[in-house]
Amino acid sequence: MALAALLVALLIWPAGVGAAEILQVRGGSLLQLGDQNRSYTVQLACISVSADHEIEAIAWLRQAAPRRTKVNLRPMGQEQGVLLARVQPLAAATDLGSGLLAAGLAEPRAGAVDACP
């Protein structure tokens, strides 16, 4: 129920005003985000990072979206209690998952939802 409320809040919250921001890169496709007084874990939707590319993907994410970078979220569901979302820095033209794909550090996720590029 709390996740559903979070998804609704993220969808209707105005972009830029109180936007989520990156608190920590926790893995090649796992971020810790926060907005105001909440923090939550977000798995980048639509992609999968292999163990071979994990370190490079973490470095790429930290360079592309350093701590405190404001981001827009496009929730795509949940998996084992973790929010799946496309995450796009406000100043960027593409989301982080697409960037990892373009850099050759990720692959399209098997069984990804239809809204994935």
N, C-alpha and C. Protein backbone atom coordinates (compact mmCIF):
# COMPACT_ATOMS: atom_id res chain seq x y z
N MET A 1 0.82 -1.19 0.00
CA MET A 1 0.00 0.00 0.00
C MET A 1 0.87 1.26 0.00
N ALA A 2 1.95 1.23 0.80
CA ALA A 2 2.84 2.39 0.86
C ALA A 2 3.50 2.62 -0.49
N LEU A 3 3.83 1.53 -1.19
CA LEU A 3 4.45 1.68 -2.51
C LEU A 3 3.48 2.30 -3.50
N ALA A 4 2.22 1.92 -3.42
CA ALA A 4 1.21 2.50 -4.32
C ALA A 4 1.08 4.00 -4.06
N ALA A 5 1.09 4.40 -2.80
CA ALA A 5 1.01 5.82 -2.46
C ALA A 5 2.24 6.57 -2.97
N LEU A 6 3.41 5.93 -2.87
CA LEU A 6 4.64 6.54 -3.38
C LEU A 6 4.57 6.71 -4.89
N LEU A 7 4.07 5.70 -5.60
CA LEU A 7 3.95 5.79 -7.05
C LEU A 7 3.02 6.93 -7.45
N VAL A 8 1.89 7.06 -6.77
CA VAL A 8 0.94 8.14 -7.08
C VAL A 8 1.59 9.49 -6.81
N ALA A 9 2.27 9.62 -5.68
CA ALA A 9 2.91 10.89 -5.34
C ALA A 9 3.98 11.26 -6.37
N LEU A 10 4.73 10.28 -6.83
CA LEU A 10 5.78 10.56 -7.81
C LEU A 10 5.20 10.96 -9.16
N LEU A 11 4.06 10.40 -9.51
CA LEU A 11 3.45 10.72 -10.80
C LEU A 11 2.83 12.11 -10.84
N ILE A 12 2.29 12.58 -9.71
CA ILE A 12 1.60 13.86 -9.73
C ILE A 12 2.44 15.01 -9.21
N TRP A 13 3.60 14.73 -8.64
CA TRP A 13 4.45 15.78 -8.09
C TRP A 13 5.04 16.61 -9.21
N PRO A 14 5.00 17.94 -9.14
CA PRO A 14 5.55 18.78 -10.20
C PRO A 14 7.05 18.57 -10.37
N ALA A 15 7.49 18.49 -11.62
CA ALA A 15 8.91 18.28 -11.91
C ALA A 15 9.71 19.49 -11.44
N GLY A 16 10.87 19.23 -10.88
CA GLY A 16 11.75 20.30 -10.45
C GLY A 16 11.46 20.79 -9.05
N VAL A 17 10.21 21.00 -8.72
CA VAL A 17 9.85 21.45 -7.39
C VAL A 17 9.76 20.22 -6.51
N GLY A 18 10.69 20.11 -5.60
CA GLY A 18 10.71 18.94 -4.74
C GLY A 18 11.05 17.67 -5.49
N ALA A 19 11.78 17.79 -6.60
CA ALA A 19 12.16 16.61 -7.38
C ALA A 19 13.02 15.70 -6.53
N ALA A 20 12.99 14.43 -6.87
CA ALA A 20 13.85 13.47 -6.18
C ALA A 20 15.30 13.79 -6.54
N GLU A 21 16.19 13.39 -5.67
CA GLU A 21 17.61 13.58 -5.97
C GLU A 21 18.37 12.31 -5.61
N ILE A 22 19.47 12.13 -6.29
CA ILE A 22 20.29 10.94 -6.06
C ILE A 22 21.06 11.12 -4.76
N LEU A 23 20.90 10.15 -3.87
CA LEU A 23 21.65 10.16 -2.62
C LEU A 23 22.87 9.25 -2.71
N GLN A 24 22.72 8.13 -3.46
CA GLN A 24 23.81 7.17 -3.53
C GLN A 24 23.60 6.24 -4.71
N VAL A 25 24.70 5.87 -5.37
CA VAL A 25 24.67 4.80 -6.36
C VAL A 25 25.04 3.54 -5.60
N ARG A 26 24.11 2.59 -5.53
CA ARG A 26 24.32 1.38 -4.73
C ARG A 26 24.71 0.17 -5.56
N GLY A 27 24.60 0.29 -6.88
CA GLY A 27 24.95 -0.81 -7.76
C GLY A 27 24.88 -0.35 -9.20
N GLY A 28 25.15 -1.25 -10.12
CA GLY A 28 25.15 -0.90 -11.53
C GLY A 28 23.80 -0.47 -12.05
N SER A 29 22.72 -0.83 -11.36
CA SER A 29 21.38 -0.40 -11.76
C SER A 29 20.51 -0.08 -10.55
N LEU A 30 21.14 0.15 -9.41
CA LEU A 30 20.41 0.38 -8.16
C LEU A 30 20.83 1.72 -7.55
N LEU A 31 19.84 2.57 -7.30
CA LEU A 31 20.09 3.91 -6.76
C LEU A 31 19.33 4.10 -5.46
N GLN A 32 19.87 4.93 -4.59
CA GLN A 32 19.16 5.39 -3.40
C GLN A 32 18.77 6.83 -3.70
N LEU A 33 17.47 7.10 -3.73
CA LEU A 33 16.96 8.43 -4.04
C LEU A 33 16.25 8.99 -2.82
N GLY A 34 16.11 10.30 -2.80
CA GLY A 34 15.40 10.93 -1.71
C GLY A 34 14.64 12.14 -2.21
N ASP A 35 13.58 12.47 -1.50
CA ASP A 35 12.86 13.71 -1.75
C ASP A 35 12.33 14.20 -0.40
N GLN A 36 12.74 15.39 -0.05
CA GLN A 36 12.41 16.01 1.22
C GLN A 36 12.85 15.12 2.37
N ASN A 37 11.96 14.46 3.06
CA ASN A 37 12.36 13.68 4.23
C ASN A 37 12.29 12.17 4.02
N ARG A 38 12.14 11.72 2.77
CA ARG A 38 12.04 10.28 2.50
C ARG A 38 13.23 9.84 1.66
N SER A 39 13.58 8.57 1.81
CA SER A 39 14.55 7.99 0.89
C SER A 39 14.04 6.61 0.50
N TYR A 40 14.37 6.19 -0.70
CA TYR A 40 13.90 4.91 -1.19
C TYR A 40 14.86 4.38 -2.23
N THR A 41 14.83 3.06 -2.38
CA THR A 41 15.69 2.37 -3.34
C THR A 41 14.95 2.25 -4.66
N VAL A 42 15.65 2.54 -5.75
CA VAL A 42 15.07 2.45 -7.09
C VAL A 42 15.98 1.61 -7.97
N GLN A 43 15.38 0.62 -8.61
CA GLN A 43 16.08 -0.21 -9.60
C GLN A 43 15.79 0.39 -10.96
N LEU A 44 16.83 0.62 -11.76
CA LEU A 44 16.61 1.15 -13.11
C LEU A 44 15.82 0.13 -13.91
N ALA A 45 14.69 0.55 -14.45
CA ALA A 45 13.82 -0.33 -15.23
C ALA A 45 14.43 -0.57 -16.60
N CYS A 46 14.05 -1.64 -17.21
CA CYS A 46 14.34 -1.94 -18.61
C CYS A 46 15.75 -2.44 -18.89
N ILE A 47 16.64 -2.44 -17.89
CA ILE A 47 18.02 -2.87 -18.16
C ILE A 47 18.48 -3.91 -17.16
N SER A 48 19.54 -4.58 -17.55
CA SER A 48 20.22 -5.54 -16.69
C SER A 48 21.71 -5.32 -16.85
N VAL A 49 22.42 -5.22 -15.74
CA VAL A 49 23.87 -5.04 -15.77
C VAL A 49 24.50 -6.35 -15.31
N SER A 50 25.38 -6.91 -16.14
CA SER A 50 26.04 -8.16 -15.78
C SER A 50 27.13 -7.89 -14.74
N ALA A 51 27.52 -8.93 -14.04
CA ALA A 51 28.58 -8.81 -13.03
C ALA A 51 29.88 -8.32 -13.67
N ASP A 52 30.11 -8.66 -14.93
CA ASP A 52 31.33 -8.24 -15.63
C ASP A 52 31.40 -6.72 -15.80
N HIS A 53 30.25 -6.06 -15.88
CA HIS A 53 30.20 -4.62 -16.12
C HIS A 53 29.78 -3.82 -14.89
N GLU A 54 29.61 -4.47 -13.76
CA GLU A 54 29.09 -3.81 -12.56
C GLU A 54 29.94 -2.61 -12.14
N ILE A 55 31.23 -2.78 -12.03
CA ILE A 55 32.11 -1.69 -11.56
C ILE A 55 32.10 -0.52 -12.54
N GLU A 56 32.16 -0.84 -13.84
CA GLU A 56 32.13 0.23 -14.85
C GLU A 56 30.78 0.95 -14.85
N ALA A 57 29.70 0.20 -14.66
CA ALA A 57 28.36 0.81 -14.63
C ALA A 57 28.22 1.74 -13.43
N ILE A 58 28.74 1.33 -12.28
CA ILE A 58 28.69 2.19 -11.09
C ILE A 58 29.45 3.49 -11.36
N ALA A 59 30.65 3.36 -11.92
CA ALA A 59 31.45 4.56 -12.23
C ALA A 59 30.73 5.46 -13.23
N TRP A 60 30.09 4.85 -14.24
CA TRP A 60 29.37 5.63 -15.24
C TRP A 60 28.21 6.39 -14.59
N LEU A 61 27.45 5.70 -13.74
CA LEU A 61 26.32 6.34 -13.07
C LEU A 61 26.78 7.49 -12.17
N ARG A 62 27.87 7.27 -11.45
CA ARG A 62 28.38 8.33 -10.56
C ARG A 62 28.84 9.55 -11.36
N GLN A 63 29.36 9.32 -12.55
CA GLN A 63 29.80 10.44 -13.40
C GLN A 63 28.60 11.13 -14.04
N ALA A 64 27.64 10.35 -14.53
CA ALA A 64 26.47 10.91 -15.23
C ALA A 64 25.49 11.58 -14.28
N ALA A 65 25.42 11.10 -13.06
CA ALA A 65 24.46 11.63 -12.09
C ALA A 65 25.08 11.61 -10.69
N PRO A 66 25.94 12.58 -10.41
CA PRO A 66 26.56 12.62 -9.08
C PRO A 66 25.53 12.85 -7.98
N ARG A 67 25.96 12.67 -6.75
CA ARG A 67 25.09 12.92 -5.60
C ARG A 67 24.41 14.27 -5.70
N ARG A 68 23.18 14.32 -5.26
CA ARG A 68 22.34 15.52 -5.24
C ARG A 68 21.83 15.94 -6.61
N THR A 69 22.07 15.13 -7.64
CA THR A 69 21.50 15.41 -8.96
C THR A 69 19.99 15.27 -8.87
N LYS A 70 19.27 16.27 -9.31
CA LYS A 70 17.80 16.21 -9.34
C LYS A 70 17.37 15.34 -10.51
N VAL A 71 16.38 14.48 -10.27
CA VAL A 71 15.93 13.54 -11.29
C VAL A 71 14.42 13.47 -11.35
N ASN A 72 13.92 13.12 -12.52
CA ASN A 72 12.52 12.75 -12.71
C ASN A 72 12.43 11.24 -12.71
N LEU A 73 11.38 10.73 -12.11
CA LEU A 73 11.14 9.29 -12.08
C LEU A 73 9.94 8.96 -12.94
N ARG A 74 10.04 7.88 -13.67
CA ARG A 74 8.90 7.34 -14.41
C ARG A 74 8.69 5.92 -13.90
N PRO A 75 7.88 5.77 -12.85
CA PRO A 75 7.68 4.45 -12.24
C PRO A 75 7.14 3.45 -13.25
N MET A 76 7.68 2.23 -13.19
CA MET A 76 7.29 1.17 -14.11
C MET A 76 6.80 -0.07 -13.36
N GLY A 77 6.71 0.01 -12.04
CA GLY A 77 6.25 -1.12 -11.26
C GLY A 77 7.16 -1.36 -10.08
N GLN A 78 7.13 -2.59 -9.60
CA GLN A 78 7.98 -2.96 -8.47
C GLN A 78 8.40 -4.41 -8.62
N GLU A 79 9.47 -4.74 -7.95
CA GLU A 79 9.96 -6.12 -7.94
C GLU A 79 10.54 -6.38 -6.56
N GLN A 80 9.96 -7.32 -5.85
CA GLN A 80 10.38 -7.67 -4.50
C GLN A 80 10.46 -6.45 -3.60
N GLY A 81 9.48 -5.57 -3.70
CA GLY A 81 9.41 -4.39 -2.85
C GLY A 81 10.29 -3.23 -3.26
N VAL A 82 11.00 -3.36 -4.38
CA VAL A 82 11.87 -2.29 -4.86
C VAL A 82 11.20 -1.63 -6.06
N LEU A 83 11.14 -0.31 -6.04
CA LEU A 83 10.54 0.45 -7.12
C LEU A 83 11.36 0.31 -8.39
N LEU A 84 10.72 -0.05 -9.50
CA LEU A 84 11.35 -0.07 -10.82
C LEU A 84 10.94 1.21 -11.52
N ALA A 85 11.92 1.96 -12.01
CA ALA A 85 11.59 3.24 -12.65
C ALA A 85 12.66 3.62 -13.66
N ARG A 86 12.23 4.39 -14.64
CA ARG A 86 13.18 5.06 -15.51
C ARG A 86 13.54 6.35 -14.79
N VAL A 87 14.83 6.61 -14.67
CA VAL A 87 15.34 7.75 -13.91
C VAL A 87 16.07 8.67 -14.87
N GLN A 88 15.62 9.92 -14.95
CA GLN A 88 16.21 10.88 -15.88
C GLN A 88 16.64 12.14 -15.14
N PRO A 89 17.95 12.46 -15.17
CA PRO A 89 18.37 13.73 -14.59
C PRO A 89 17.63 14.88 -15.27
N LEU A 90 17.27 15.91 -14.51
CA LEU A 90 16.50 17.01 -15.07
C LEU A 90 17.21 17.69 -16.23
N ALA A 91 18.53 17.74 -16.19
CA ALA A 91 19.30 18.42 -17.24
C ALA A 91 19.65 17.52 -18.42
N ALA A 92 19.24 16.26 -18.40
CA ALA A 92 19.63 15.31 -19.44
C ALA A 92 18.48 15.04 -20.41
N ALA A 93 18.85 14.62 -21.62
CA ALA A 93 17.85 14.31 -22.64
C ALA A 93 17.36 12.87 -22.55
N THR A 94 18.14 11.98 -21.95
CA THR A 94 17.75 10.57 -21.86
C THR A 94 17.86 10.09 -20.42
N ASP A 95 17.23 8.95 -20.16
CA ASP A 95 17.28 8.38 -18.83
C ASP A 95 18.58 7.60 -18.63
N LEU A 96 18.89 7.29 -17.38
CA LEU A 96 20.15 6.64 -17.04
C LEU A 96 20.25 5.23 -17.62
N GLY A 97 19.15 4.51 -17.67
CA GLY A 97 19.18 3.16 -18.25
C GLY A 97 19.55 3.19 -19.71
N SER A 98 18.98 4.12 -20.46
CA SER A 98 19.33 4.26 -21.89
C SER A 98 20.79 4.63 -22.05
N GLY A 99 21.30 5.45 -21.15
CA GLY A 99 22.71 5.82 -21.19
C GLY A 99 23.63 4.64 -20.96
N LEU A 100 23.26 3.78 -20.01
CA LEU A 100 24.06 2.57 -19.76
C LEU A 100 24.01 1.63 -20.96
N LEU A 101 22.84 1.53 -21.60
CA LEU A 101 22.73 0.71 -22.82
C LEU A 101 23.63 1.26 -23.92
N ALA A 102 23.58 2.56 -24.14
CA ALA A 102 24.38 3.20 -25.19
C ALA A 102 25.87 3.05 -24.93
N ALA A 103 26.27 3.04 -23.65
CA ALA A 103 27.68 2.89 -23.29
C ALA A 103 28.14 1.44 -23.35
N GLY A 104 27.21 0.52 -23.62
CA GLY A 104 27.56 -0.89 -23.69
C GLY A 104 27.76 -1.55 -22.34
N LEU A 105 27.25 -0.94 -21.28
CA LEU A 105 27.43 -1.46 -19.93
C LEU A 105 26.21 -2.20 -19.41
N ALA A 106 25.14 -2.23 -20.19
CA ALA A 106 23.91 -2.91 -19.79
C ALA A 106 23.28 -3.54 -21.02
N GLU A 107 22.35 -4.45 -20.74
CA GLU A 107 21.58 -5.10 -21.80
C GLU A 107 20.11 -4.89 -21.50
N PRO A 108 19.27 -4.95 -22.54
CA PRO A 108 17.83 -4.87 -22.28
C PRO A 108 17.43 -6.00 -21.34
N ARG A 109 16.58 -5.69 -20.41
CA ARG A 109 16.17 -6.66 -19.40
C ARG A 109 15.16 -7.65 -19.98
N ALA A 110 15.39 -8.91 -19.76
CA ALA A 110 14.46 -9.95 -20.21
C ALA A 110 13.14 -9.77 -19.46
N GLY A 111 12.04 -9.81 -20.20
CA GLY A 111 10.73 -9.67 -19.59
C GLY A 111 10.39 -8.26 -19.18
N ALA A 112 11.11 -7.28 -19.72
CA ALA A 112 10.83 -5.88 -19.38
C ALA A 112 9.45 -5.49 -19.90
N VAL A 113 8.86 -4.50 -19.27
CA VAL A 113 7.52 -4.05 -19.64
C VAL A 113 7.52 -3.40 -21.01
N ASP A 114 6.34 -3.29 -21.60
CA ASP A 114 6.18 -2.76 -22.96
C ASP A 114 6.64 -1.31 -23.10
N ALA A 115 6.61 -0.54 -22.02
CA ALA A 115 6.98 0.87 -22.09
C ALA A 115 8.48 1.10 -22.17
N CYS A 116 9.25 0.03 -22.16
CA CYS A 116 10.71 0.17 -22.25
C CYS A 116 11.11 0.47 -23.69
N PRO A 117 12.16 1.31 -23.84
CA PRO A 117 12.62 1.63 -25.21
C PRO A 117 13.29 0.45 -25.88
